[in-house]
Amino acid sequence: ITFLEFEEFLADPRVVTYLATLELDASETENLFSMLDDGDGSVTAEEFVEGAVRLKGVARSQDVVAMMHDSTRLHKKIDRMHASLLDLTKAHQV
């Protein structure tokens, strides 16, 4: 589902109650969607289940998982930048 569809689902009190039973805070819609999304702008059923498991419980609070998610995204960006720099370096050595 897309972010807009996610927002529509969260307008339903039954969905909010369901998320609460999973110990997920639906009050920060964009943040929750971002933590469930793998970066392609939509959340699959698999991403939802995996994300819900990661976010569930006190020891795995949404703030901690958000930092982990941001760290993973940042790591991927750094890897891409590193690869680009290596390509540029090789091009200038030729």
PDB file of N, CA and C in Angstrom:
ATOM      1  N   ILE A   1       0.840  -1.185   0.000  1.00  0.00           N
ATOM      2  CA  ILE A   1       0.000   0.000   0.000  1.00  0.00           C
ATOM      3  C   ILE A   1       0.878   1.240   0.000  1.00  0.00           C
ATOM      4  N   THR A   2       0.358   2.297  -0.536  1.00  0.00           N
ATOM      5  CA  THR A   2       1.091   3.561  -0.581  1.00  0.00           C
ATOM      6  C   THR A   2       0.859   4.336   0.720  1.00  0.00           C
ATOM      7  N   PHE A   3       1.581   5.444   0.871  1.00  0.00           N
ATOM      8  CA  PHE A   3       1.412   6.271   2.065  1.00  0.00           C
ATOM      9  C   PHE A   3      -0.006   6.819   2.159  1.00  0.00           C
ATOM     10  N   LEU A   4      -0.566   7.271   1.039  1.00  0.00           N
ATOM     11  CA  LEU A   4      -1.937   7.809   1.056  1.00  0.00           C
ATOM     12  C   LEU A   4      -2.938   6.734   1.482  1.00  0.00           C
ATOM     13  N   GLU A   5      -2.777   5.521   0.964  1.00  0.00           N
ATOM     14  CA  GLU A   5      -3.654   4.418   1.369  1.00  0.00           C
ATOM     15  C   GLU A   5      -3.480   4.100   2.848  1.00  0.00           C
ATOM     16  N   PHE A   6      -2.241   4.166   3.321  1.00  0.00           N
ATOM     17  CA  PHE A   6      -1.939   3.922   4.728  1.00  0.00           C
ATOM     18  C   PHE A   6      -2.657   4.943   5.613  1.00  0.00           C
ATOM     19  N   GLU A   7      -2.600   6.208   5.194  1.00  0.00           N
ATOM     20  CA  GLU A   7      -3.295   7.257   5.943  1.00  0.00           C
ATOM     21  C   GLU A   7      -4.799   7.002   5.983  1.00  0.00           C
ATOM     22  N   GLU A   8      -5.349   6.556   4.869  1.00  0.00           N
ATOM     23  CA  GLU A   8      -6.787   6.256   4.823  1.00  0.00           C
ATOM     24  C   GLU A   8      -7.134   5.114   5.779  1.00  0.00           C
ATOM     25  N   PHE A   9      -6.293   4.079   5.799  1.00  0.00           N
ATOM     26  CA  PHE A   9      -6.528   2.962   6.720  1.00  0.00           C
ATOM     27  C   PHE A   9      -6.501   3.435   8.166  1.00  0.00           C
ATOM     28  N   LEU A  10      -5.576   4.347   8.468  1.00  0.00           N
ATOM     29  CA  LEU A  10      -5.445   4.819   9.846  1.00  0.00           C
ATOM     30  C   LEU A  10      -6.575   5.756  10.260  1.00  0.00           C
ATOM     31  N   ALA A  11      -7.397   6.166   9.316  1.00  0.00           N
ATOM     32  CA  ALA A  11      -8.575   6.965   9.653  1.00  0.00           C
ATOM     33  C   ALA A  11      -9.662   6.077  10.273  1.00  0.00           C
ATOM     34  N   ASP A  12      -9.520   4.771  10.101  1.00  0.00           N
ATOM     35  CA  ASP A  12     -10.476   3.808  10.656  1.00  0.00           C
ATOM     36  C   ASP A  12     -10.051   3.452  12.077  1.00  0.00           C
ATOM     37  N   PRO A  13     -10.885   3.753  13.080  1.00  0.00           N
ATOM     38  CA  PRO A  13     -10.537   3.461  14.474  1.00  0.00           C
ATOM     39  C   PRO A  13     -10.234   1.980  14.720  1.00  0.00           C
ATOM     40  N   ARG A  14     -10.831   1.102  13.922  1.00  0.00           N
ATOM     41  CA  ARG A  14     -10.549  -0.337  14.089  1.00  0.00           C
ATOM     42  C   ARG A  14      -9.106  -0.656  13.733  1.00  0.00           C
ATOM     43  N   VAL A  15      -8.583   0.019  12.727  1.00  0.00           N
ATOM     44  CA  VAL A  15      -7.186  -0.197  12.330  1.00  0.00           C
ATOM     45  C   VAL A  15      -6.251   0.326  13.414  1.00  0.00           C
ATOM     46  N   VAL A  16      -6.565   1.500  13.955  1.00  0.00           N
ATOM     47  CA  VAL A  16      -5.751   2.079  15.023  1.00  0.00           C
ATOM     48  C   VAL A  16      -5.757   1.150  16.237  1.00  0.00           C
ATOM     49  N   THR A  17      -6.920   0.591  16.560  1.00  0.00           N
ATOM     50  CA  THR A  17      -7.026  -0.349  17.678  1.00  0.00           C
ATOM     51  C   THR A  17      -6.210  -1.603  17.403  1.00  0.00           C
ATOM     52  N   TYR A  18      -6.278  -2.107  16.168  1.00  0.00           N
ATOM     53  CA  TYR A  18      -5.497  -3.279  15.795  1.00  0.00           C
ATOM     54  C   TYR A  18      -4.002  -3.012  15.944  1.00  0.00           C
ATOM     55  N   LEU A  19      -3.556  -1.850  15.459  1.00  0.00           N
ATOM     56  CA  LEU A  19      -2.140  -1.507  15.594  1.00  0.00           C
ATOM     57  C   LEU A  19      -1.746  -1.393  17.059  1.00  0.00           C
ATOM     58  N   ALA A  20      -2.645  -0.876  17.878  1.00  0.00           N
ATOM     59  CA  ALA A  20      -2.368  -0.773  19.312  1.00  0.00           C
ATOM     60  C   ALA A  20      -2.195  -2.147  19.934  1.00  0.00           C
ATOM     61  N   THR A  21      -2.967  -3.130  19.465  1.00  0.00           N
ATOM     62  CA  THR A  21      -2.798  -4.491  19.997  1.00  0.00           C
ATOM     63  C   THR A  21      -1.444  -5.071  19.598  1.00  0.00           C
ATOM     64  N   LEU A  22      -0.878  -4.550  18.502  1.00  0.00           N
ATOM     65  CA  LEU A  22       0.460  -4.962  18.073  1.00  0.00           C
ATOM     66  C   LEU A  22       1.547  -4.112  18.730  1.00  0.00           C
ATOM     67  N   GLU A  23       1.118  -3.210  19.617  1.00  0.00           N
ATOM     68  CA  GLU A  23       2.004  -2.279  20.312  1.00  0.00           C
ATOM     69  C   GLU A  23       2.678  -1.311  19.347  1.00  0.00           C
ATOM     70  N   LEU A  24       1.928  -0.899  18.315  1.00  0.00           N
ATOM     71  CA  LEU A  24       2.418   0.084  17.348  1.00  0.00           C
ATOM     72  C   LEU A  24       1.671   1.388  17.556  1.00  0.00           C
ATOM     73  N   ASP A  25       2.403   2.481  17.584  1.00  0.00           N
ATOM     74  CA  ASP A  25       1.816   3.804  17.784  1.00  0.00           C
ATOM     75  C   ASP A  25       1.458   4.397  16.431  1.00  0.00           C
ATOM     76  N   ALA A  26       0.174   4.515  16.164  1.00  0.00           N
ATOM     77  CA  ALA A  26      -0.300   5.034  14.882  1.00  0.00           C
ATOM     78  C   ALA A  26      -0.401   6.551  14.879  1.00  0.00           C
ATOM     79  N   SER A  27      -0.036   7.210  15.969  1.00  0.00           N
ATOM     80  CA  SER A  27      -0.196   8.660  16.040  1.00  0.00           C
ATOM     81  C   SER A  27       0.779   9.401  15.127  1.00  0.00           C
ATOM     82  N   GLU A  28       1.906   8.799  14.820  1.00  0.00           N
ATOM     83  CA  GLU A  28       2.870   9.410  13.913  1.00  0.00           C
ATOM     84  C   GLU A  28       2.860   8.637  12.601  1.00  0.00           C
ATOM     85  N   THR A  29       1.843   8.914  11.798  1.00  0.00           N
ATOM     86  CA  THR A  29       1.578   8.157  10.577  1.00  0.00           C
ATOM     87  C   THR A  29       2.785   8.078   9.655  1.00  0.00           C
ATOM     88  N   GLU A  30       3.363   9.218   9.340  1.00  0.00           N
ATOM     89  CA  GLU A  30       4.474   9.252   8.385  1.00  0.00           C
ATOM     90  C   GLU A  30       5.688   8.490   8.921  1.00  0.00           C
ATOM     91  N   ASN A  31       5.973   8.663  10.199  1.00  0.00           N
ATOM     92  CA  ASN A  31       7.102   7.978  10.820  1.00  0.00           C
ATOM     93  C   ASN A  31       6.884   6.462  10.818  1.00  0.00           C
ATOM     94  N   LEU A  32       5.687   6.022  11.166  1.00  0.00           N
ATOM     95  CA  LEU A  32       5.376   4.601  11.184  1.00  0.00           C
ATOM     96  C   LEU A  32       5.502   4.014   9.781  1.00  0.00           C
ATOM     97  N   PHE A  33       4.940   4.698   8.788  1.00  0.00           N
ATOM     98  CA  PHE A  33       5.019   4.213   7.409  1.00  0.00           C
ATOM     99  C   PHE A  33       6.483   4.121   6.970  1.00  0.00           C
ATOM    100  N   SER A  34       7.254   5.137   7.290  1.00  0.00           N
ATOM    101  CA  SER A  34       8.662   5.160   6.920  1.00  0.00           C
ATOM    102  C   SER A  34       9.422   3.981   7.517  1.00  0.00           C
ATOM    103  N   MET A  35       9.097   3.624   8.740  1.00  0.00           N
ATOM    104  CA  MET A  35       9.781   2.508   9.387  1.00  0.00           C
ATOM    105  C   MET A  35       9.373   1.162   8.800  1.00  0.00           C
ATOM    106  N   LEU A  36       8.179   1.080   8.249  1.00  0.00           N
ATOM    107  CA  LEU A  36       7.721  -0.170   7.639  1.00  0.00           C
ATOM    108  C   LEU A  36       8.190  -0.295   6.196  1.00  0.00           C
ATOM    109  N   ASP A  37       8.343   0.830   5.518  1.00  0.00           N
ATOM    110  CA  ASP A  37       8.703   0.863   4.102  1.00  0.00           C
ATOM    111  C   ASP A  37      10.181   0.551   3.913  1.00  0.00           C
ATOM    112  N   ASP A  38      10.497  -0.189   2.854  1.00  0.00           N
ATOM    113  CA  ASP A  38      11.896  -0.501   2.552  1.00  0.00           C
ATOM    114  C   ASP A  38      12.536   0.555   1.662  1.00  0.00           C
ATOM    115  N   GLY A  39      11.816   1.632   1.389  1.00  0.00           N
ATOM    116  CA  GLY A  39      12.372   2.721   0.610  1.00  0.00           C
ATOM    117  C   GLY A  39      11.771   2.887  -0.768  1.00  0.00           C
ATOM    118  N   ASP A  40      10.842   1.995  -1.147  1.00  0.00           N
ATOM    119  CA  ASP A  40      10.250   2.094  -2.484  1.00  0.00           C
ATOM    120  C   ASP A  40       8.933   2.851  -2.501  1.00  0.00           C
ATOM    121  N   GLY A  41       8.517   3.385  -1.356  1.00  0.00           N
ATOM    122  CA  GLY A  41       7.301   4.191  -1.301  1.00  0.00           C
ATOM    123  C   GLY A  41       6.022   3.423  -1.072  1.00  0.00           C
ATOM    124  N   SER A  42       6.147   2.121  -0.847  1.00  0.00           N
ATOM    125  CA  SER A  42       4.961   1.326  -0.536  1.00  0.00           C
ATOM    126  C   SER A  42       5.334   0.249   0.479  1.00  0.00           C
ATOM    127  N   VAL A  43       4.331  -0.249   1.176  1.00  0.00           N
ATOM    128  CA  VAL A  43       4.541  -1.282   2.189  1.00  0.00           C
ATOM    129  C   VAL A  43       3.813  -2.544   1.746  1.00  0.00           C
ATOM    130  N   THR A  44       4.575  -3.598   1.572  1.00  0.00           N
ATOM    131  CA  THR A  44       3.970  -4.889   1.222  1.00  0.00           C
ATOM    132  C   THR A  44       3.521  -5.585   2.497  1.00  0.00           C
ATOM    133  N   ALA A  45       2.765  -6.649   2.343  1.00  0.00           N
ATOM    134  CA  ALA A  45       2.328  -7.424   3.511  1.00  0.00           C
ATOM    135  C   ALA A  45       3.544  -7.954   4.272  1.00  0.00           C
ATOM    136  N   GLU A  46       4.553  -8.400   3.530  1.00  0.00           N
ATOM    137  CA  GLU A  46       5.772  -8.923   4.157  1.00  0.00           C
ATOM    138  C   GLU A  46       6.495  -7.843   4.945  1.00  0.00           C
ATOM    139  N   GLU A  47       6.608  -6.646   4.365  1.00  0.00           N
ATOM    140  CA  GLU A  47       7.249  -5.540   5.067  1.00  0.00           C
ATOM    141  C   GLU A  47       6.482  -5.173   6.327  1.00  0.00           C
ATOM    142  N   PHE A  48       5.149  -5.210   6.231  1.00  0.00           N
ATOM    143  CA  PHE A  48       4.341  -4.875   7.403  1.00  0.00           C
ATOM    144  C   PHE A  48       4.596  -5.870   8.530  1.00  0.00           C
ATOM    145  N   VAL A  49       4.562  -7.146   8.209  1.00  0.00           N
ATOM    146  CA  VAL A  49       4.753  -8.179   9.245  1.00  0.00           C
ATOM    147  C   VAL A  49       6.156  -8.076   9.843  1.00  0.00           C
ATOM    148  N   GLU A  50       7.174  -7.972   8.986  1.00  0.00           N
ATOM    149  CA  GLU A  50       8.545  -7.856   9.487  1.00  0.00           C
ATOM    150  C   GLU A  50       8.712  -6.601  10.335  1.00  0.00           C
ATOM    151  N   GLY A  51       8.149  -5.491   9.869  1.00  0.00           N
ATOM    152  CA  GLY A  51       8.243  -4.242  10.613  1.00  0.00           C
ATOM    153  C   GLY A  51       7.507  -4.295  11.934  1.00  0.00           C
ATOM    154  N   ALA A  52       6.337  -4.903  11.943  1.00  0.00           N
ATOM    155  CA  ALA A  52       5.559  -5.016  13.170  1.00  0.00           C
ATOM    156  C   ALA A  52       6.311  -5.829  14.207  1.00  0.00           C
ATOM    157  N   VAL A  53       6.964  -6.878  13.777  1.00  0.00           N
ATOM    158  CA  VAL A  53       7.746  -7.704  14.704  1.00  0.00           C
ATOM    159  C   VAL A  53       8.911  -6.903  15.268  1.00  0.00           C
ATOM    160  N   ARG A  54       9.588  -6.136  14.407  1.00  0.00           N
ATOM    161  CA  ARG A  54      10.712  -5.309  14.864  1.00  0.00           C
ATOM    162  C   ARG A  54      10.265  -4.231  15.837  1.00  0.00           C
ATOM    163  N   LEU A  55       9.093  -3.648  15.574  1.00  0.00           N
ATOM    164  CA  LEU A  55       8.623  -2.516  16.369  1.00  0.00           C
ATOM    165  C   LEU A  55       7.923  -2.922  17.655  1.00  0.00           C
ATOM    166  N   LYS A  56       7.567  -4.173  17.785  1.00  0.00           N
ATOM    167  CA  LYS A  56       6.770  -4.631  18.920  1.00  0.00           C
ATOM    168  C   LYS A  56       7.583  -4.647  20.205  1.00  0.00           C
ATOM    169  N   GLY A  57       6.965  -4.219  21.266  1.00  0.00           N
ATOM    170  CA  GLY A  57       7.545  -4.355  22.594  1.00  0.00           C
ATOM    171  C   GLY A  57       8.335  -3.145  23.056  1.00  0.00           C
ATOM    172  N   VAL A  58       8.555  -3.102  24.351  1.00  0.00           N
ATOM    173  CA  VAL A  58       9.236  -1.971  24.967  1.00  0.00           C
ATOM    174  C   VAL A  58      10.708  -1.931  24.577  1.00  0.00           C
ATOM    175  N   ALA A  59      11.363  -3.095  24.547  1.00  0.00           N
ATOM    176  CA  ALA A  59      12.792  -3.130  24.252  1.00  0.00           C
ATOM    177  C   ALA A  59      13.072  -2.692  22.821  1.00  0.00           C
ATOM    178  N   ARG A  60      12.083  -2.814  21.956  1.00  0.00           N
ATOM    179  CA  ARG A  60      12.260  -2.426  20.558  1.00  0.00           C
ATOM    180  C   ARG A  60      11.320  -1.273  20.234  1.00  0.00           C
ATOM    181  N   SER A  61      11.497  -0.196  20.939  1.00  0.00           N
ATOM    182  CA  SER A  61      10.618   0.951  20.755  1.00  0.00           C
ATOM    183  C   SER A  61      10.749   1.517  19.351  1.00  0.00           C
ATOM    184  N   GLN A  62       9.736   2.252  18.930  1.00  0.00           N
ATOM    185  CA  GLN A  62       9.741   2.840  17.591  1.00  0.00           C
ATOM    186  C   GLN A  62      10.919   3.777  17.391  1.00  0.00           C
ATOM    187  N   ASP A  63      11.336   4.469  18.432  1.00  0.00           N
ATOM    188  CA  ASP A  63      12.468   5.384  18.284  1.00  0.00           C
ATOM    189  C   ASP A  63      13.748   4.627  17.946  1.00  0.00           C
ATOM    190  N   VAL A  64      13.978   3.509  18.624  1.00  0.00           N
ATOM    191  CA  VAL A  64      15.177   2.710  18.366  1.00  0.00           C
ATOM    192  C   VAL A  64      15.132   2.136  16.955  1.00  0.00           C
ATOM    193  N   VAL A  65      13.988   1.604  16.572  1.00  0.00           N
ATOM    194  CA  VAL A  65      13.854   1.011  15.242  1.00  0.00           C
ATOM    195  C   VAL A  65      13.996   2.087  14.167  1.00  0.00           C
ATOM    196  N   ALA A  66      13.473   3.280  14.430  1.00  0.00           N
ATOM    197  CA  ALA A  66      13.620   4.377  13.471  1.00  0.00           C
ATOM    198  C   ALA A  66      15.096   4.703  13.262  1.00  0.00           C
ATOM    199  N   MET A  67      15.867   4.720  14.335  1.00  0.00           N
ATOM    200  CA  MET A  67      17.295   4.990  14.211  1.00  0.00           C
ATOM    201  C   MET A  67      17.985   3.879  13.425  1.00  0.00           C
ATOM    202  N   MET A  68      17.601   2.636  13.666  1.00  0.00           N
ATOM    203  CA  MET A  68      18.174   1.518  12.919  1.00  0.00           C
ATOM    204  C   MET A  68      17.835   1.640  11.435  1.00  0.00           C
ATOM    205  N   HIS A  69      16.588   1.987  11.153  1.00  0.00           N
ATOM    206  CA  HIS A  69      16.128   2.126   9.771  1.00  0.00           C
ATOM    207  C   HIS A  69      16.893   3.253   9.070  1.00  0.00           C
ATOM    208  N   ASP A  70      17.022   4.389   9.744  1.00  0.00           N
ATOM    209  CA  ASP A  70      17.768   5.516   9.179  1.00  0.00           C
ATOM    210  C   ASP A  70      19.230   5.148   8.964  1.00  0.00           C
ATOM    211  N   SER A  71      19.784   4.402   9.905  1.00  0.00           N
ATOM    212  CA  SER A  71      21.173   3.972   9.795  1.00  0.00           C
ATOM    213  C   SER A  71      21.366   3.078   8.573  1.00  0.00           C
ATOM    214  N   THR A  72      20.437   2.171   8.333  1.00  0.00           N
ATOM    215  CA  THR A  72      20.520   1.282   7.180  1.00  0.00           C
ATOM    216  C   THR A  72      20.448   2.080   5.878  1.00  0.00           C
ATOM    217  N   ARG A  73      19.519   3.012   5.808  1.00  0.00           N
ATOM    218  CA  ARG A  73      19.399   3.856   4.612  1.00  0.00           C
ATOM    219  C   ARG A  73      20.672   4.663   4.384  1.00  0.00           C
ATOM    220  N   LEU A  74      21.210   5.230   5.459  1.00  0.00           N
ATOM    221  CA  LEU A  74      22.431   6.026   5.366  1.00  0.00           C
ATOM    222  C   LEU A  74      23.591   5.155   4.898  1.00  0.00           C
ATOM    223  N   HIS A  75      23.679   3.951   5.416  1.00  0.00           N
ATOM    224  CA  HIS A  75      24.742   3.031   5.021  1.00  0.00           C
ATOM    225  C   HIS A  75      24.672   2.736   3.525  1.00  0.00           C
ATOM    226  N   LYS A  76      23.470   2.507   3.005  1.00  0.00           N
ATOM    227  CA  LYS A  76      23.302   2.239   1.575  1.00  0.00           C
ATOM    228  C   LYS A  76      23.738   3.444   0.744  1.00  0.00           C
ATOM    229  N   LYS A  77      23.383   4.647   1.197  1.00  0.00           N
ATOM    230  CA  LYS A  77      23.774   5.854   0.470  1.00  0.00           C
ATOM    231  C   LYS A  77      25.288   6.025   0.474  1.00  0.00           C
ATOM    232  N   ILE A  78      25.911   5.753   1.600  1.00  0.00           N
ATOM    233  CA  ILE A  78      27.364   5.872   1.702  1.00  0.00           C
ATOM    234  C   ILE A  78      28.033   4.861   0.782  1.00  0.00           C
ATOM    235  N   ASP A  79      27.498   3.646   0.732  1.00  0.00           N
ATOM    236  CA  ASP A  79      28.043   2.628  -0.171  1.00  0.00           C
ATOM    237  C   ASP A  79      27.967   3.085  -1.628  1.00  0.00           C
ATOM    238  N   ARG A  80      26.829   3.676  -2.005  1.00  0.00           N
ATOM    239  CA  ARG A  80      26.679   4.163  -3.381  1.00  0.00           C
ATOM    240  C   ARG A  80      27.665   5.305  -3.664  1.00  0.00           C
ATOM    241  N   MET A  81      27.833   6.199  -2.698  1.00  0.00           N
ATOM    242  CA  MET A  81      28.774   7.307  -2.867  1.00  0.00           C
ATOM    243  C   MET A  81      30.202   6.778  -2.989  1.00  0.00           C
ATOM    244  N   HIS A  82      30.529   5.794  -2.185  1.00  0.00           N
ATOM    245  CA  HIS A  82      31.862   5.201  -2.218  1.00  0.00           C
ATOM    246  C   HIS A  82      32.130   4.577  -3.585  1.00  0.00           C
ATOM    247  N   ALA A  83      31.150   3.850  -4.100  1.00  0.00           N
ATOM    248  CA  ALA A  83      31.285   3.236  -5.415  1.00  0.00           C
ATOM    249  C   ALA A  83      31.468   4.307  -6.494  1.00  0.00           C
ATOM    250  N   SER A  84      30.725   5.391  -6.397  1.00  0.00           N
ATOM    251  CA  SER A  84      30.851   6.483  -7.366  1.00  0.00           C
ATOM    252  C   SER A  84      32.235   7.121  -7.297  1.00  0.00           C
ATOM    253  N   LEU A  85      32.737   7.321  -6.094  1.00  0.00           N
ATOM    254  CA  LEU A  85      34.070   7.897  -5.934  1.00  0.00           C
ATOM    255  C   LEU A  85      35.144   6.968  -6.500  1.00  0.00           C
ATOM    256  N   LEU A  86      34.997   5.683  -6.295  1.00  0.00           N
ATOM    257  CA  LEU A  86      35.942   4.726  -6.855  1.00  0.00           C
ATOM    258  C   LEU A  86      35.921   4.789  -8.383  1.00  0.00           C
ATOM    259  N   ASP A  87      34.714   4.884  -8.944  1.00  0.00           N
ATOM    260  CA  ASP A  87      34.575   4.990 -10.408  1.00  0.00           C
ATOM    261  C   ASP A  87      35.268   6.267 -10.917  1.00  0.00           C
ATOM    262  N   LEU A  88      35.054   7.380 -10.224  1.00  0.00           N
ATOM    263  CA  LEU A  88      35.683   8.637 -10.628  1.00  0.00           C
ATOM    264  C   LEU A  88      37.201   8.550 -10.535  1.00  0.00           C
ATOM    265  N   THR A  89      37.682   7.943  -9.475  1.00  0.00           N
ATOM    266  CA  THR A  89      39.131   7.789  -9.283  1.00  0.00           C
ATOM    267  C   THR A  89      39.731   6.946 -10.397  1.00  0.00           C
ATOM    268  N   LYS A  90      39.068   5.848 -10.741  1.00  0.00           N
ATOM    269  CA  LYS A  90      39.552   4.993 -11.829  1.00  0.00           C
ATOM    270  C   LYS A  90      39.541   5.738 -13.157  1.00  0.00           C
ATOM    271  N   ALA A  91      38.511   6.534 -13.400  1.00  0.00           N
ATOM    272  CA  ALA A  91      38.390   7.285 -14.649  1.00  0.00           C
ATOM    273  C   ALA A  91      39.520   8.306 -14.785  1.00  0.00           C
ATOM    274  N   HIS A  92      39.925   8.914 -13.669  1.00  0.00           N
ATOM    275  CA  HIS A  92      40.977   9.926 -13.710  1.00  0.00           C
ATOM    276  C   HIS A  92      42.361   9.308 -13.785  1.00  0.00           C
ATOM    277  N   GLN A  93      42.493   8.058 -13.448  1.00  0.00           N
ATOM    278  CA  GLN A  93      43.787   7.377 -13.495  1.00  0.00           C
ATOM    279  C   GLN A  93      44.109   6.889 -14.901  1.00  0.00           C
ATOM    280  N   VAL A  94      43.092   6.798 -15.729  1.00  0.00           N
ATOM    281  CA  VAL A  94      43.299   6.280 -17.093  1.00  0.00           C
ATOM    282  C   VAL A  94      43.897   7.303 -17.994  1.00  0.00           C
TER     283      VAL A  94
END
